[in-house]
Amino acid sequence: VKRGQRKIFRRNKKEYEKLSEHIGLLPSVMV
């Protein structure tokens, strides 16, 4: 994340077109 720019999220060096594509790949639970 850079100030003033969009967030860049990558899986194995390939950028996601939509962040929603990543949800569910690495399930986690936070308390």
PDB file of all heavy atoms in Angstrom:
ATOM      1  N   VAL A   1       0.857  -1.187   0.000  1.00  0.00           N
ATOM      2  CA  VAL A   1       0.000   0.000   0.000  1.00  0.00           C
ATOM      3  C   VAL A   1       0.896   1.240   0.000  1.00  0.00           C
ATOM      4  O   VAL A   1       1.727   1.408   0.890  1.00  0.00           O
ATOM      5  CB  VAL A   1      -0.936   0.031   1.223  1.00  0.00           C
ATOM      6  CG1 VAL A   1      -1.665   1.372   1.292  1.00  0.00           C
ATOM      7  CG2 VAL A   1      -1.932  -1.115   1.165  1.00  0.00           C
ATOM      8  N   LYS A   2       0.721   2.091  -1.044  1.00  0.00           N
ATOM      9  CA  LYS A   2       1.412   3.372  -1.118  1.00  0.00           C
ATOM     10  C   LYS A   2       0.386   4.485  -0.965  1.00  0.00           C
ATOM     11  O   LYS A   2      -0.737   4.371  -1.448  1.00  0.00           O
ATOM     12  CB  LYS A   2       2.132   3.519  -2.461  1.00  0.00           C
ATOM     13  CG  LYS A   2       3.276   2.544  -2.665  1.00  0.00           C
ATOM     14  CD  LYS A   2       3.976   2.816  -4.001  1.00  0.00           C
ATOM     15  CE  LYS A   2       5.126   1.841  -4.215  1.00  0.00           C
ATOM     16  NZ  LYS A   2       5.810   2.086  -5.506  1.00  0.00           N
ATOM     17  N   ARG A   3       0.785   5.532  -0.291  1.00  0.00           N
ATOM     18  CA  ARG A   3      -0.134   6.662  -0.094  1.00  0.00           C
ATOM     19  C   ARG A   3      -0.591   7.206  -1.454  1.00  0.00           C
ATOM     20  O   ARG A   3       0.214   7.431  -2.360  1.00  0.00           O
ATOM     21  CB  ARG A   3       0.549   7.778   0.693  1.00  0.00           C
ATOM     22  CG  ARG A   3       0.906   7.396   2.123  1.00  0.00           C
ATOM     23  CD  ARG A   3       1.353   8.600   2.928  1.00  0.00           C
ATOM     24  NE  ARG A   3       1.918   8.203   4.218  1.00  0.00           N
ATOM     25  CZ  ARG A   3       1.193   7.926   5.291  1.00  0.00           C
ATOM     26  NH1 ARG A   3      -0.131   8.004   5.215  1.00  0.00           N
ATOM     27  NH2 ARG A   3       1.777   7.577   6.428  1.00  0.00           N
ATOM     28  N   GLY A   4      -1.911   7.389  -1.578  1.00  0.00           N
ATOM     29  CA  GLY A   4      -2.454   7.959  -2.792  1.00  0.00           C
ATOM     30  C   GLY A   4      -2.586   6.991  -3.948  1.00  0.00           C
ATOM     31  O   GLY A   4      -2.992   7.392  -5.047  1.00  0.00           O
ATOM     32  N   GLN A   5      -2.249   5.715  -3.715  1.00  0.00           N
ATOM     33  CA  GLN A   5      -2.353   4.725  -4.781  1.00  0.00           C
ATOM     34  C   GLN A   5      -3.198   3.546  -4.314  1.00  0.00           C
ATOM     35  O   GLN A   5      -3.407   3.343  -3.130  1.00  0.00           O
ATOM     36  CB  GLN A   5      -0.965   4.235  -5.212  1.00  0.00           C
ATOM     37  CG  GLN A   5      -0.052   5.333  -5.753  1.00  0.00           C
ATOM     38  CD  GLN A   5       1.275   4.792  -6.247  1.00  0.00           C
ATOM     39  OE1 GLN A   5       1.379   3.639  -6.644  1.00  0.00           O
ATOM     40  NE2 GLN A   5       2.294   5.652  -6.222  1.00  0.00           N
ATOM     41  N   ARG A   6      -3.659   2.748  -5.283  1.00  0.00           N
ATOM     42  CA  ARG A   6      -4.488   1.604  -4.933  1.00  0.00           C
ATOM     43  C   ARG A   6      -3.631   0.488  -4.335  1.00  0.00           C
ATOM     44  O   ARG A   6      -2.425   0.383  -4.600  1.00  0.00           O
ATOM     45  CB  ARG A   6      -5.244   1.085  -6.156  1.00  0.00           C
ATOM     46  CG  ARG A   6      -4.368   0.483  -7.229  1.00  0.00           C
ATOM     47  CD  ARG A   6      -5.204   0.008  -8.404  1.00  0.00           C
ATOM     48  NE  ARG A   6      -4.379  -0.607  -9.435  1.00  0.00           N
ATOM     49  CZ  ARG A   6      -4.013  -1.875  -9.419  1.00  0.00           C
ATOM     50  NH1 ARG A   6      -4.380  -2.664  -8.417  1.00  0.00           N
ATOM     51  NH2 ARG A   6      -3.268  -2.372 -10.386  1.00  0.00           N
ATOM     52  N   LYS A   7      -4.266  -0.339  -3.556  1.00  0.00           N
ATOM     53  CA  LYS A   7      -3.590  -1.467  -2.914  1.00  0.00           C
ATOM     54  C   LYS A   7      -3.233  -2.517  -3.960  1.00  0.00           C
ATOM     55  O   LYS A   7      -4.023  -2.831  -4.846  1.00  0.00           O
ATOM     56  CB  LYS A   7      -4.503  -2.057  -1.838  1.00  0.00           C
ATOM     57  CG  LYS A   7      -3.978  -3.283  -1.157  1.00  0.00           C
ATOM     58  CD  LYS A   7      -4.701  -3.558   0.152  1.00  0.00           C
ATOM     59  CE  LYS A   7      -6.194  -3.433   0.051  1.00  0.00           C
ATOM     60  NZ  LYS A   7      -6.853  -3.568   1.352  1.00  0.00           N
ATOM     61  N   ILE A   8      -2.021  -3.069  -3.863  1.00  0.00           N
ATOM     62  CA  ILE A   8      -1.572  -4.131  -4.764  1.00  0.00           C
ATOM     63  C   ILE A   8      -1.440  -5.423  -3.967  1.00  0.00           C
ATOM     64  O   ILE A   8      -0.701  -5.489  -2.985  1.00  0.00           O
ATOM     65  CB  ILE A   8      -0.230  -3.773  -5.423  1.00  0.00           C
ATOM     66  CG1 ILE A   8      -0.379  -2.511  -6.270  1.00  0.00           C
ATOM     67  CG2 ILE A   8       0.270  -4.936  -6.289  1.00  0.00           C
ATOM     68  CD1 ILE A   8       0.919  -2.024  -6.865  1.00  0.00           C
ATOM     69  N   PHE A   9      -2.174  -6.429  -4.402  1.00  0.00           N
ATOM     70  CA  PHE A   9      -2.193  -7.711  -3.712  1.00  0.00           C
ATOM     71  C   PHE A   9      -1.787  -8.790  -4.705  1.00  0.00           C
ATOM     72  O   PHE A   9      -2.375  -8.896  -5.789  1.00  0.00           O
ATOM     73  CB  PHE A   9      -3.606  -7.995  -3.172  1.00  0.00           C
ATOM     74  CG  PHE A   9      -3.631  -8.677  -1.842  1.00  0.00           C
ATOM     75  CD1 PHE A   9      -3.592  -7.952  -0.666  1.00  0.00           C
ATOM     76  CD2 PHE A   9      -3.675 -10.066  -1.763  1.00  0.00           C
ATOM     77  CE1 PHE A   9      -3.619  -8.577   0.557  1.00  0.00           C
ATOM     78  CE2 PHE A   9      -3.698 -10.699  -0.541  1.00  0.00           C
ATOM     79  CZ  PHE A   9      -3.674  -9.955   0.631  1.00  0.00           C
ATOM     80  N   ARG A  10      -0.779  -9.583  -4.359  1.00  0.00           N
ATOM     81  CA  ARG A  10      -0.260 -10.588  -5.282  1.00  0.00           C
ATOM     82  C   ARG A  10      -0.234 -11.980  -4.653  1.00  0.00           C
ATOM     83  O   ARG A  10       0.048 -12.118  -3.465  1.00  0.00           O
ATOM     84  CB  ARG A  10       1.152 -10.230  -5.748  1.00  0.00           C
ATOM     85  CG  ARG A  10       1.246  -9.003  -6.643  1.00  0.00           C
ATOM     86  CD  ARG A  10       2.643  -8.856  -7.208  1.00  0.00           C
ATOM     87  NE  ARG A  10       2.741  -7.756  -8.156  1.00  0.00           N
ATOM     88  CZ  ARG A  10       3.164  -6.551  -7.846  1.00  0.00           C
ATOM     89  NH1 ARG A  10       3.524  -6.268  -6.603  1.00  0.00           N
ATOM     90  NH2 ARG A  10       3.232  -5.615  -8.768  1.00  0.00           N
ATOM     91  N   ARG A  11      -0.521 -12.969  -5.490  1.00  0.00           N
ATOM     92  CA  ARG A  11      -0.369 -14.373  -5.123  1.00  0.00           C
ATOM     93  C   ARG A  11       0.664 -14.987  -6.060  1.00  0.00           C
ATOM     94  O   ARG A  11       0.460 -15.028  -7.271  1.00  0.00           O
ATOM     95  CB  ARG A  11      -1.702 -15.110  -5.243  1.00  0.00           C
ATOM     96  CG  ARG A  11      -1.611 -16.603  -4.988  1.00  0.00           C
ATOM     97  CD  ARG A  11      -2.943 -17.278  -5.274  1.00  0.00           C
ATOM     98  NE  ARG A  11      -2.848 -18.716  -5.046  1.00  0.00           N
ATOM     99  CZ  ARG A  11      -3.820 -19.592  -5.377  1.00  0.00           C
ATOM    100  NH1 ARG A  11      -4.959 -19.146  -5.934  1.00  0.00           N
ATOM    101  NH2 ARG A  11      -3.658 -20.873  -5.153  1.00  0.00           N
ATOM    102  N   ASN A  12       1.770 -15.432  -5.477  1.00  0.00           N
ATOM    103  CA  ASN A  12       2.861 -16.001  -6.272  1.00  0.00           C
ATOM    104  C   ASN A  12       3.263 -15.068  -7.419  1.00  0.00           C
ATOM    105  O   ASN A  12       3.366 -15.476  -8.584  1.00  0.00           O
ATOM    106  CB  ASN A  12       2.465 -17.386  -6.805  1.00  0.00           C
ATOM    107  CG  ASN A  12       2.168 -18.361  -5.682  1.00  0.00           C
ATOM    108  OD1 ASN A  12       2.797 -18.328  -4.628  1.00  0.00           O
ATOM    109  ND2 ASN A  12       1.192 -19.226  -5.889  1.00  0.00           N
ATOM    110  N   LYS A  13       3.432 -13.800  -7.068  1.00  0.00           N
ATOM    111  CA  LYS A  13       3.906 -12.723  -7.953  1.00  0.00           C
ATOM    112  C   LYS A  13       2.871 -12.273  -8.985  1.00  0.00           C
ATOM    113  O   LYS A  13       3.153 -11.368  -9.765  1.00  0.00           O
ATOM    114  CB  LYS A  13       5.210 -13.125  -8.666  1.00  0.00           C
ATOM    115  CG  LYS A  13       6.360 -13.412  -7.718  1.00  0.00           C
ATOM    116  CD  LYS A  13       7.635 -13.740  -8.482  1.00  0.00           C
ATOM    117  CE  LYS A  13       8.783 -14.020  -7.512  1.00  0.00           C
ATOM    118  NZ  LYS A  13      10.031 -14.334  -8.237  1.00  0.00           N
ATOM    119  N   LYS A  14       1.675 -12.870  -9.003  1.00  0.00           N
ATOM    120  CA  LYS A  14       0.636 -12.475  -9.941  1.00  0.00           C
ATOM    121  C   LYS A  14      -0.401 -11.615  -9.226  1.00  0.00           C
ATOM    122  O   LYS A  14      -0.980 -12.047  -8.230  1.00  0.00           O
ATOM    123  CB  LYS A  14      -0.035 -13.696 -10.566  1.00  0.00           C
ATOM    124  CG  LYS A  14      -1.092 -13.345 -11.608  1.00  0.00           C
ATOM    125  CD  LYS A  14      -1.709 -14.591 -12.216  1.00  0.00           C
ATOM    126  CE  LYS A  14      -2.765 -14.228 -13.245  1.00  0.00           C
ATOM    127  NZ  LYS A  14      -3.394 -15.443 -13.847  1.00  0.00           N
ATOM    128  N   GLU A  15      -0.647 -10.421  -9.736  1.00  0.00           N
ATOM    129  CA  GLU A  15      -1.572  -9.502  -9.078  1.00  0.00           C
ATOM    130  C   GLU A  15      -3.020  -9.918  -9.309  1.00  0.00           C
ATOM    131  O   GLU A  15      -3.407 -10.317 -10.413  1.00  0.00           O
ATOM    132  CB  GLU A  15      -1.367  -8.081  -9.606  1.00  0.00           C
ATOM    133  CG  GLU A  15      -2.219  -7.037  -8.907  1.00  0.00           C
ATOM    134  CD  GLU A  15      -1.954  -5.634  -9.396  1.00  0.00           C
ATOM    135  OE1 GLU A  15      -0.961  -5.431 -10.148  1.00  0.00           O
ATOM    136  OE2 GLU A  15      -2.744  -4.730  -9.035  1.00  0.00           O
ATOM    137  N   TYR A  16      -3.809  -9.820  -8.252  1.00  0.00           N
ATOM    138  CA  TYR A  16      -5.242 -10.088  -8.366  1.00  0.00           C
ATOM    139  C   TYR A  16      -5.927  -8.956  -9.131  1.00  0.00           C
ATOM    140  O   TYR A  16      -5.629  -7.781  -8.916  1.00  0.00           O
ATOM    141  CB  TYR A  16      -5.892 -10.186  -6.983  1.00  0.00           C
ATOM    142  CG  TYR A  16      -5.656 -11.484  -6.251  1.00  0.00           C
ATOM    143  CD1 TYR A  16      -4.738 -11.565  -5.206  1.00  0.00           C
ATOM    144  CD2 TYR A  16      -6.378 -12.626  -6.576  1.00  0.00           C
ATOM    145  CE1 TYR A  16      -4.532 -12.744  -4.513  1.00  0.00           C
ATOM    146  CE2 TYR A  16      -6.180 -13.821  -5.882  1.00  0.00           C
ATOM    147  CZ  TYR A  16      -5.262 -13.876  -4.856  1.00  0.00           C
ATOM    148  OH  TYR A  16      -5.072 -15.052  -4.172  1.00  0.00           O
ATOM    149  N   GLU A  17      -6.875  -9.327 -10.001  1.00  0.00           N
ATOM    150  CA  GLU A  17      -7.700  -8.314 -10.641  1.00  0.00           C
ATOM    151  C   GLU A  17      -8.744  -7.777  -9.661  1.00  0.00           C
ATOM    152  O   GLU A  17      -9.042  -6.586  -9.648  1.00  0.00           O
ATOM    153  CB  GLU A  17      -8.391  -8.905 -11.874  1.00  0.00           C
ATOM    154  CG  GLU A  17      -7.421  -9.248 -13.012  1.00  0.00           C
ATOM    155  CD  GLU A  17      -8.157  -9.737 -14.234  1.00  0.00           C
ATOM    156  OE1 GLU A  17      -9.408  -9.679 -14.261  1.00  0.00           O
ATOM    157  OE2 GLU A  17      -7.483 -10.175 -15.191  1.00  0.00           O
ATOM    158  N   LYS A  18      -9.299  -8.680  -8.846  1.00  0.00           N
ATOM    159  CA  LYS A  18     -10.258  -8.314  -7.813  1.00  0.00           C
ATOM    160  C   LYS A  18      -9.798  -8.910  -6.491  1.00  0.00           C
ATOM    161  O   LYS A  18      -9.445 -10.088  -6.430  1.00  0.00           O
ATOM    162  CB  LYS A  18     -11.657  -8.835  -8.146  1.00  0.00           C
ATOM    163  CG  LYS A  18     -12.264  -8.285  -9.417  1.00  0.00           C
ATOM    164  CD  LYS A  18     -13.638  -8.901  -9.657  1.00  0.00           C
ATOM    165  CE  LYS A  18     -14.266  -8.375 -10.926  1.00  0.00           C
ATOM    166  NZ  LYS A  18     -15.609  -9.011 -11.169  1.00  0.00           N
ATOM    167  N   LEU A  19      -9.820  -8.107  -5.431  1.00  0.00           N
ATOM    168  CA  LEU A  19      -9.396  -8.608  -4.127  1.00  0.00           C
ATOM    169  C   LEU A  19     -10.311  -9.727  -3.635  1.00  0.00           C
ATOM    170  O   LEU A  19      -9.873 -10.609  -2.895  1.00  0.00           O
ATOM    171  CB  LEU A  19      -9.373  -7.462  -3.108  1.00  0.00           C
ATOM    172  CG  LEU A  19      -8.357  -6.343  -3.368  1.00  0.00           C
ATOM    173  CD1 LEU A  19      -8.448  -5.291  -2.270  1.00  0.00           C
ATOM    174  CD2 LEU A  19      -6.948  -6.889  -3.456  1.00  0.00           C
ATOM    175  N   SER A  20     -11.576  -9.702  -4.061  1.00  0.00           N
ATOM    176  CA  SER A  20     -12.514 -10.741  -3.623  1.00  0.00           C
ATOM    177  C   SER A  20     -12.087 -12.132  -4.077  1.00  0.00           C
ATOM    178  O   SER A  20     -12.501 -13.133  -3.493  1.00  0.00           O
ATOM    179  CB  SER A  20     -13.923 -10.432  -4.148  1.00  0.00           C
ATOM    180  OG  SER A  20     -13.941 -10.389  -5.564  1.00  0.00           O
ATOM    181  N   GLU A  21     -11.247 -12.207  -5.126  1.00  0.00           N
ATOM    182  CA  GLU A  21     -10.773 -13.502  -5.605  1.00  0.00           C
ATOM    183  C   GLU A  21      -9.891 -14.203  -4.570  1.00  0.00           C
ATOM    184  O   GLU A  21      -9.730 -15.421  -4.602  1.00  0.00           O
ATOM    185  CB  GLU A  21      -9.979 -13.325  -6.906  1.00  0.00           C
ATOM    186  CG  GLU A  21     -10.800 -12.798  -8.070  1.00  0.00           C
ATOM    187  CD  GLU A  21      -9.945 -12.476  -9.279  1.00  0.00           C
ATOM    188  OE1 GLU A  21      -8.715 -12.656  -9.186  1.00  0.00           O
ATOM    189  OE2 GLU A  21     -10.490 -12.050 -10.303  1.00  0.00           O
ATOM    190  N   HIS A  22      -9.327 -13.443  -3.658  1.00  0.00           N
ATOM    191  CA  HIS A  22      -8.408 -14.000  -2.654  1.00  0.00           C
ATOM    192  C   HIS A  22      -9.138 -14.553  -1.429  1.00  0.00           C
ATOM    193  O   HIS A  22      -8.620 -15.437  -0.738  1.00  0.00           O
ATOM    194  CB  HIS A  22      -7.427 -12.910  -2.209  1.00  0.00           C
ATOM    195  CG  HIS A  22      -6.419 -13.361  -1.200  1.00  0.00           C
ATOM    196  ND1 HIS A  22      -5.410 -14.263  -1.492  1.00  0.00           N
ATOM    197  CD2 HIS A  22      -6.252 -13.043   0.123  1.00  0.00           C
ATOM    198  CE1 HIS A  22      -4.673 -14.479  -0.413  1.00  0.00           C
ATOM    199  NE2 HIS A  22      -5.168 -13.744   0.576  1.00  0.00           N
ATOM    200  N   ILE A  23     -10.336 -14.035  -1.160  1.00  0.00           N
ATOM    201  CA  ILE A  23     -11.059 -14.408   0.050  1.00  0.00           C
ATOM    202  C   ILE A  23     -11.387 -15.898   0.030  1.00  0.00           C
ATOM    203  O   ILE A  23     -11.954 -16.406  -0.924  1.00  0.00           O
ATOM    204  CB  ILE A  23     -12.356 -13.586   0.200  1.00  0.00           C
ATOM    205  CG1 ILE A  23     -12.045 -12.087   0.151  1.00  0.00           C
ATOM    206  CG2 ILE A  23     -13.062 -13.954   1.498  1.00  0.00           C
ATOM    207  CD1 ILE A  23     -11.052 -11.615   1.176  1.00  0.00           C
ATOM    208  N   GLY A  24     -11.021 -16.576   1.114  1.00  0.00           N
ATOM    209  CA  GLY A  24     -11.277 -18.002   1.236  1.00  0.00           C
ATOM    210  C   GLY A  24     -10.069 -18.865   0.934  1.00  0.00           C
ATOM    211  O   GLY A  24     -10.053 -20.044   1.295  1.00  0.00           O
ATOM    212  N   LEU A  25      -9.055 -18.297   0.276  1.00  0.00           N
ATOM    213  CA  LEU A  25      -7.856 -19.087  -0.014  1.00  0.00           C
ATOM    214  C   LEU A  25      -7.118 -19.448   1.261  1.00  0.00           C
ATOM    215  O   LEU A  25      -6.677 -20.599   1.432  1.00  0.00           O
ATOM    216  CB  LEU A  25      -6.916 -18.302  -0.942  1.00  0.00           C
ATOM    217  CG  LEU A  25      -5.579 -18.994  -1.250  1.00  0.00           C
ATOM    218  CD1 LEU A  25      -5.797 -20.213  -2.141  1.00  0.00           C
ATOM    219  CD2 LEU A  25      -4.599 -18.017  -1.908  1.00  0.00           C
ATOM    220  N   LEU A  26      -6.968 -18.471   2.162  1.00  0.00           N
ATOM    221  CA  LEU A  26      -6.235 -18.659   3.412  1.00  0.00           C
ATOM    222  C   LEU A  26      -7.189 -18.356   4.572  1.00  0.00           C
ATOM    223  O   LEU A  26      -7.126 -17.290   5.175  1.00  0.00           O
ATOM    224  CB  LEU A  26      -5.018 -17.732   3.463  1.00  0.00           C
ATOM    225  CG  LEU A  26      -4.038 -17.861   2.288  1.00  0.00           C
ATOM    226  CD1 LEU A  26      -3.020 -16.741   2.333  1.00  0.00           C
ATOM    227  CD2 LEU A  26      -3.354 -19.227   2.309  1.00  0.00           C
ATOM    228  N   PRO A  27      -8.086 -19.269   4.895  1.00  0.00           N
ATOM    229  CA  PRO A  27      -9.075 -18.995   5.945  1.00  0.00           C
ATOM    230  C   PRO A  27      -8.408 -18.758   7.293  1.00  0.00           C
ATOM    231  O   PRO A  27      -7.415 -19.411   7.639  1.00  0.00           O
ATOM    232  CB  PRO A  27      -9.938 -20.259   5.965  1.00  0.00           C
ATOM    233  CG  PRO A  27      -9.048 -21.325   5.404  1.00  0.00           C
ATOM    234  CD  PRO A  27      -8.203 -20.637   4.377  1.00  0.00           C
ATOM    235  N   SER A  28      -8.955 -17.833   8.046  1.00  0.00           N
ATOM    236  CA  SER A  28      -8.415 -17.550   9.372  1.00  0.00           C
ATOM    237  C   SER A  28      -9.522 -17.065  10.283  1.00  0.00           C
ATOM    238  O   SER A  28     -10.555 -16.573   9.831  1.00  0.00           O
ATOM    239  CB  SER A  28      -7.292 -16.507   9.292  1.00  0.00           C
ATOM    240  OG  SER A  28      -7.799 -15.259   8.894  1.00  0.00           O
ATOM    241  N   VAL A  29      -9.270 -17.206  11.579  1.00  0.00           N
ATOM    242  CA  VAL A  29     -10.218 -16.777  12.614  1.00  0.00           C
ATOM    243  C   VAL A  29      -9.448 -15.937  13.623  1.00  0.00           C
ATOM    244  O   VAL A  29      -8.409 -16.358  14.128  1.00  0.00           O
ATOM    245  CB  VAL A  29     -10.867 -17.993  13.314  1.00  0.00           C
ATOM    246  CG1 VAL A  29     -11.768 -17.524  14.459  1.00  0.00           C
ATOM    247  CG2 VAL A  29     -11.658 -18.833  12.313  1.00  0.00           C
ATOM    248  N   MET A  30      -9.962 -14.753  13.905  1.00  0.00           N
ATOM    249  CA  MET A  30      -9.312 -13.807  14.812  1.00  0.00           C
ATOM    250  C   MET A  30     -10.198 -13.569  16.024  1.00  0.00           C
ATOM    251  O   MET A  30     -11.410 -13.358  15.887  1.00  0.00           O
ATOM    252  CB  MET A  30      -9.075 -12.486  14.076  1.00  0.00           C
ATOM    253  CG  MET A  30      -8.339 -11.440  14.881  1.00  0.00           C
ATOM    254  SD  MET A  30      -6.560 -11.564  14.689  1.00  0.00           S
ATOM    255  CE  MET A  30      -6.098  -9.837  14.727  1.00  0.00           C
ATOM    256  N   VAL A  31      -9.585 -13.596  17.219  1.00  0.00           N
ATOM    257  CA  VAL A  31     -10.298 -13.289  18.458  1.00  0.00           C
ATOM    258  C   VAL A  31      -9.546 -12.174  19.169  1.00  0.00           C
ATOM    259  O   VAL A  31      -8.350 -12.307  19.446  1.00  0.00           O
ATOM    260  CB  VAL A  31     -10.395 -14.516  19.389  1.00  0.00           C
ATOM    261  CG1 VAL A  31     -11.306 -14.213  20.569  1.00  0.00           C
ATOM    262  CG2 VAL A  31     -10.899 -15.745  18.638  1.00  0.00           C
TER     263      VAL A  31
END
